[in-house]
Amino acid sequence: MTITELAGATGVSKHTLRYYERVGLVPLVERDPSSRHRRYSDGHVRWIGFLRQRVVATINALQRRRALLDRKLRAGCAPGDLKPRTQLGALGGTGSDT
């Protein structure tokens, strides 16, 4: 299977597939002896599908974390702090940035 066929089968761009190979995320890819073009197998299709699911899950988790942090900041929490800024005074803080 060519890289174009793999991209079509997985929904991942050829550029991204080459990047995955370059950084070692894709198992050894054989090359056609005469043309030196990459030759992918059905195993690569499954592996790329798995990687794509992991990437999407990671992005979703980061987006949820960012949304939670944004909600905390809008509610008056300091970044990385679960306590509202109004409670910081009791801990010796000023409760303001100024």
N, C-alpha and C. Protein backbone atom coordinates (compact mmCIF):
# COMPACT_ATOMS: atom_id res chain seq x y z
N MET A 1 0.86 -1.16 0.00
CA MET A 1 0.00 0.00 0.00
C MET A 1 0.91 1.23 0.00
N THR A 2 0.58 2.22 -0.81
CA THR A 2 1.36 3.45 -0.89
C THR A 2 0.99 4.40 0.24
N ILE A 3 1.77 5.44 0.40
CA ILE A 3 1.46 6.43 1.43
C ILE A 3 0.14 7.15 1.12
N THR A 4 -0.15 7.35 -0.16
CA THR A 4 -1.42 7.97 -0.54
C THR A 4 -2.59 7.07 -0.14
N GLU A 5 -2.45 5.78 -0.37
CA GLU A 5 -3.50 4.83 0.01
C GLU A 5 -3.64 4.77 1.54
N LEU A 6 -2.51 4.79 2.24
CA LEU A 6 -2.56 4.77 3.70
C LEU A 6 -3.24 6.03 4.24
N ALA A 7 -2.90 7.16 3.66
CA ALA A 7 -3.53 8.42 4.08
C ALA A 7 -5.04 8.35 3.87
N GLY A 8 -5.46 7.82 2.73
CA GLY A 8 -6.89 7.68 2.46
C GLY A 8 -7.58 6.72 3.40
N ALA A 9 -6.90 5.64 3.74
CA ALA A 9 -7.50 4.62 4.61
C ALA A 9 -7.58 5.08 6.07
N THR A 10 -6.70 5.97 6.48
CA THR A 10 -6.64 6.36 7.88
C THR A 10 -7.16 7.77 8.16
N GLY A 11 -7.26 8.59 7.12
CA GLY A 11 -7.66 9.98 7.33
C GLY A 11 -6.55 10.85 7.88
N VAL A 12 -5.32 10.37 7.81
CA VAL A 12 -4.15 11.11 8.29
C VAL A 12 -3.36 11.56 7.06
N SER A 13 -2.93 12.81 7.06
CA SER A 13 -2.23 13.35 5.88
C SER A 13 -0.90 12.65 5.64
N LYS A 14 -0.45 12.70 4.40
CA LYS A 14 0.86 12.12 4.06
C LYS A 14 1.96 12.81 4.85
N HIS A 15 1.84 14.11 5.00
CA HIS A 15 2.84 14.86 5.77
C HIS A 15 2.92 14.32 7.21
N THR A 16 1.77 14.11 7.83
CA THR A 16 1.73 13.60 9.21
C THR A 16 2.27 12.17 9.27
N LEU A 17 1.94 11.36 8.29
CA LEU A 17 2.47 9.99 8.26
C LEU A 17 3.99 10.00 8.19
N ARG A 18 4.54 10.86 7.37
CA ARG A 18 6.00 10.96 7.27
C ARG A 18 6.60 11.44 8.59
N TYR A 19 5.91 12.38 9.24
CA TYR A 19 6.37 12.85 10.54
C TYR A 19 6.36 11.72 11.56
N TYR A 20 5.26 10.97 11.62
CA TYR A 20 5.18 9.83 12.54
C TYR A 20 6.33 8.86 12.31
N GLU A 21 6.65 8.62 11.05
CA GLU A 21 7.74 7.71 10.75
C GLU A 21 9.07 8.31 11.21
N ARG A 22 9.28 9.58 10.95
CA ARG A 22 10.53 10.27 11.29
C ARG A 22 10.79 10.25 12.79
N VAL A 23 9.74 10.42 13.60
CA VAL A 23 9.94 10.46 15.05
C VAL A 23 9.82 9.08 15.70
N GLY A 24 9.63 8.06 14.89
CA GLY A 24 9.63 6.70 15.41
C GLY A 24 8.31 6.18 15.92
N LEU A 25 7.20 6.83 15.56
CA LEU A 25 5.89 6.36 16.01
C LEU A 25 5.31 5.25 15.13
N VAL A 26 5.88 5.07 13.96
CA VAL A 26 5.39 4.05 13.03
C VAL A 26 6.45 2.96 12.94
N PRO A 27 6.02 1.69 13.08
CA PRO A 27 6.98 0.59 12.94
C PRO A 27 7.67 0.64 11.58
N LEU A 28 8.75 -0.07 11.48
CA LEU A 28 9.57 -0.09 10.27
C LEU A 28 8.71 -0.15 9.00
N VAL A 29 8.98 0.74 8.09
CA VAL A 29 8.27 0.78 6.82
C VAL A 29 9.24 0.30 5.75
N GLU A 30 8.83 -0.76 5.07
CA GLU A 30 9.68 -1.26 4.00
C GLU A 30 9.55 -0.36 2.78
N ARG A 31 10.55 -0.41 1.94
CA ARG A 31 10.54 0.38 0.71
C ARG A 31 10.63 -0.55 -0.49
N ASP A 32 9.97 -0.15 -1.55
CA ASP A 32 10.03 -0.89 -2.80
C ASP A 32 11.48 -0.86 -3.29
N PRO A 33 12.05 -2.00 -3.62
CA PRO A 33 13.47 -2.03 -4.00
C PRO A 33 13.80 -1.18 -5.25
N SER A 34 12.88 -1.12 -6.19
CA SER A 34 13.19 -0.40 -7.42
C SER A 34 12.90 1.10 -7.31
N SER A 35 11.78 1.46 -6.70
CA SER A 35 11.39 2.88 -6.66
C SER A 35 11.77 3.56 -5.34
N ARG A 36 12.06 2.77 -4.29
CA ARG A 36 12.35 3.28 -2.95
C ARG A 36 11.14 3.94 -2.29
N HIS A 37 9.95 3.76 -2.87
CA HIS A 37 8.72 4.28 -2.25
C HIS A 37 8.37 3.44 -1.04
N ARG A 38 7.79 4.08 -0.06
CA ARG A 38 7.35 3.36 1.13
C ARG A 38 6.24 2.38 0.75
N ARG A 39 6.23 1.22 1.40
CA ARG A 39 5.19 0.21 1.20
C ARG A 39 4.61 -0.14 2.57
N TYR A 40 3.36 0.22 2.77
CA TYR A 40 2.70 0.01 4.05
C TYR A 40 1.83 -1.24 4.00
N SER A 41 1.58 -1.81 5.18
CA SER A 41 0.77 -3.02 5.29
C SER A 41 -0.55 -2.70 6.00
N ASP A 42 -1.41 -3.72 6.08
CA ASP A 42 -2.65 -3.56 6.84
C ASP A 42 -2.36 -3.30 8.33
N GLY A 43 -1.25 -3.83 8.80
CA GLY A 43 -0.85 -3.57 10.18
C GLY A 43 -0.57 -2.09 10.43
N HIS A 44 -0.03 -1.43 9.42
CA HIS A 44 0.19 0.01 9.55
C HIS A 44 -1.14 0.76 9.62
N VAL A 45 -2.13 0.30 8.88
CA VAL A 45 -3.46 0.94 8.92
C VAL A 45 -4.01 0.85 10.34
N ARG A 46 -3.92 -0.32 10.94
CA ARG A 46 -4.42 -0.50 12.32
C ARG A 46 -3.63 0.36 13.30
N TRP A 47 -2.31 0.38 13.15
CA TRP A 47 -1.46 1.14 14.07
C TRP A 47 -1.74 2.64 13.96
N ILE A 48 -1.85 3.15 12.75
CA ILE A 48 -2.13 4.58 12.55
C ILE A 48 -3.51 4.91 13.12
N GLY A 49 -4.47 4.01 12.94
CA GLY A 49 -5.80 4.21 13.53
C GLY A 49 -5.72 4.32 15.04
N PHE A 50 -4.92 3.45 15.65
CA PHE A 50 -4.72 3.50 17.10
C PHE A 50 -4.07 4.82 17.51
N LEU A 51 -3.01 5.22 16.81
CA LEU A 51 -2.34 6.49 17.12
C LEU A 51 -3.30 7.66 17.01
N ARG A 52 -4.11 7.64 15.97
CA ARG A 52 -5.06 8.74 15.75
C ARG A 52 -6.06 8.82 16.92
N GLN A 53 -6.54 7.67 17.38
CA GLN A 53 -7.45 7.67 18.53
C GLN A 53 -6.76 8.25 19.76
N ARG A 54 -5.49 7.90 19.99
CA ARG A 54 -4.75 8.40 21.15
C ARG A 54 -4.53 9.90 21.05
N VAL A 55 -4.22 10.38 19.85
CA VAL A 55 -4.01 11.82 19.66
C VAL A 55 -5.31 12.57 19.94
N VAL A 56 -6.42 12.07 19.41
CA VAL A 56 -7.72 12.72 19.63
C VAL A 56 -8.07 12.69 21.11
N ALA A 57 -7.84 11.57 21.78
CA ALA A 57 -8.15 11.47 23.21
C ALA A 57 -7.29 12.45 24.01
N THR A 58 -6.03 12.59 23.65
CA THR A 58 -5.14 13.52 24.34
C THR A 58 -5.59 14.96 24.14
N ILE A 59 -5.93 15.29 22.91
CA ILE A 59 -6.40 16.65 22.62
C ILE A 59 -7.68 16.93 23.39
N ASN A 60 -8.60 15.97 23.42
CA ASN A 60 -9.84 16.16 24.17
C ASN A 60 -9.57 16.37 25.65
N ALA A 61 -8.64 15.60 26.21
CA ALA A 61 -8.31 15.75 27.63
C ALA A 61 -7.70 17.12 27.90
N LEU A 62 -6.83 17.58 27.01
CA LEU A 62 -6.23 18.90 27.18
C LEU A 62 -7.27 20.00 27.06
N GLN A 63 -8.21 19.82 26.15
CA GLN A 63 -9.28 20.82 26.01
C GLN A 63 -10.16 20.86 27.25
N ARG A 64 -10.48 19.68 27.81
CA ARG A 64 -11.27 19.65 29.05
C ARG A 64 -10.51 20.32 30.18
N ARG A 65 -9.23 20.05 30.28
CA ARG A 65 -8.42 20.67 31.33
C ARG A 65 -8.38 22.18 31.17
N ARG A 66 -8.21 22.63 29.93
CA ARG A 66 -8.20 24.07 29.68
C ARG A 66 -9.54 24.71 30.03
N ALA A 67 -10.64 24.05 29.67
CA ALA A 67 -11.97 24.58 29.98
C ALA A 67 -12.16 24.66 31.49
N LEU A 68 -11.70 23.65 32.23
CA LEU A 68 -11.81 23.66 33.69
C LEU A 68 -10.99 24.81 34.27
N LEU A 69 -9.78 24.99 33.78
CA LEU A 69 -8.94 26.08 34.26
C LEU A 69 -9.59 27.43 33.94
N ASP A 70 -10.14 27.57 32.75
CA ASP A 70 -10.82 28.82 32.39
C ASP A 70 -11.99 29.10 33.33
N ARG A 71 -12.77 28.06 33.67
CA ARG A 71 -13.89 28.24 34.60
C ARG A 71 -13.39 28.66 35.98
N LYS A 72 -12.29 28.04 36.42
CA LYS A 72 -11.73 28.39 37.73
C LYS A 72 -11.25 29.83 37.74
N LEU A 73 -10.59 30.25 36.67
CA LEU A 73 -10.09 31.62 36.61
C LEU A 73 -11.24 32.62 36.60
N ARG A 74 -12.30 32.31 35.84
CA ARG A 74 -13.48 33.19 35.83
C ARG A 74 -14.15 33.24 37.20
N ALA A 75 -14.03 32.17 37.97
CA ALA A 75 -14.65 32.11 39.30
C ALA A 75 -13.76 32.77 40.36
N GLY A 76 -12.58 33.24 39.94
CA GLY A 76 -11.71 33.94 40.88
C GLY A 76 -10.66 33.08 41.53
N CYS A 77 -10.38 31.91 40.98
CA CYS A 77 -9.33 31.07 41.53
C CYS A 77 -8.00 31.45 40.88
N ALA A 78 -6.95 31.38 41.67
CA ALA A 78 -5.61 31.60 41.13
C ALA A 78 -5.22 30.37 40.31
N PRO A 79 -4.44 30.55 39.23
CA PRO A 79 -3.99 29.39 38.45
C PRO A 79 -3.29 28.37 39.34
N GLY A 80 -3.66 27.13 39.22
CA GLY A 80 -3.05 26.06 40.01
C GLY A 80 -3.52 26.00 41.44
N ASP A 81 -4.47 26.82 41.79
CA ASP A 81 -4.96 26.88 43.17
C ASP A 81 -6.45 26.57 43.17
N LEU A 82 -6.88 25.66 43.99
CA LEU A 82 -8.29 25.31 44.05
C LEU A 82 -9.08 26.25 44.94
N LYS A 83 -8.38 27.05 45.73
CA LYS A 83 -9.07 27.95 46.66
C LYS A 83 -9.39 29.28 45.97
N PRO A 84 -10.59 29.80 46.15
CA PRO A 84 -10.91 31.12 45.60
C PRO A 84 -9.98 32.18 46.18
N ARG A 85 -9.74 33.22 45.43
CA ARG A 85 -8.84 34.29 45.87
C ARG A 85 -9.31 34.92 47.18
N THR A 86 -10.60 34.92 47.45
CA THR A 86 -11.09 35.51 48.69
C THR A 86 -10.60 34.75 49.91
N GLN A 87 -10.22 33.48 49.76
CA GLN A 87 -9.72 32.70 50.88
C GLN A 87 -8.22 32.85 51.06
N LEU A 88 -7.52 33.45 50.11
CA LEU A 88 -6.08 33.57 50.21
C LEU A 88 -5.66 34.48 51.37
N GLY A 89 -6.51 35.45 51.72
CA GLY A 89 -6.19 36.34 52.83
C GLY A 89 -5.97 35.58 54.13
N ALA A 90 -6.77 34.54 54.35
CA ALA A 90 -6.64 33.72 55.55
C ALA A 90 -5.33 32.95 55.55
N LEU A 91 -4.74 32.76 54.36
CA LEU A 91 -3.48 32.02 54.25
C LEU A 91 -2.27 32.96 54.22
N GLY A 92 -2.53 34.27 54.39
CA GLY A 92 -1.43 35.21 54.40
C GLY A 92 -1.25 35.91 53.06
N GLY A 93 -2.08 35.57 52.07
CA GLY A 93 -1.99 36.23 50.77
C GLY A 93 -2.85 37.48 50.76
N THR A 94 -2.69 38.30 49.74
CA THR A 94 -3.44 39.54 49.67
C THR A 94 -4.79 39.36 49.00
N GLY A 95 -4.94 38.31 48.18
CA GLY A 95 -6.19 38.09 47.48
C GLY A 95 -6.34 38.93 46.24
N SER A 96 -5.29 39.66 45.86
CA SER A 96 -5.33 40.44 44.63
C SER A 96 -3.98 40.42 43.96
N ASP A 97 -3.98 40.79 42.69
CA ASP A 97 -2.73 40.79 41.92
C ASP A 97 -2.00 42.12 42.02
N THR A 98 -2.63 43.13 42.59
CA THR A 98 -2.01 44.46 42.63
C THR A 98 -1.45 44.77 43.98
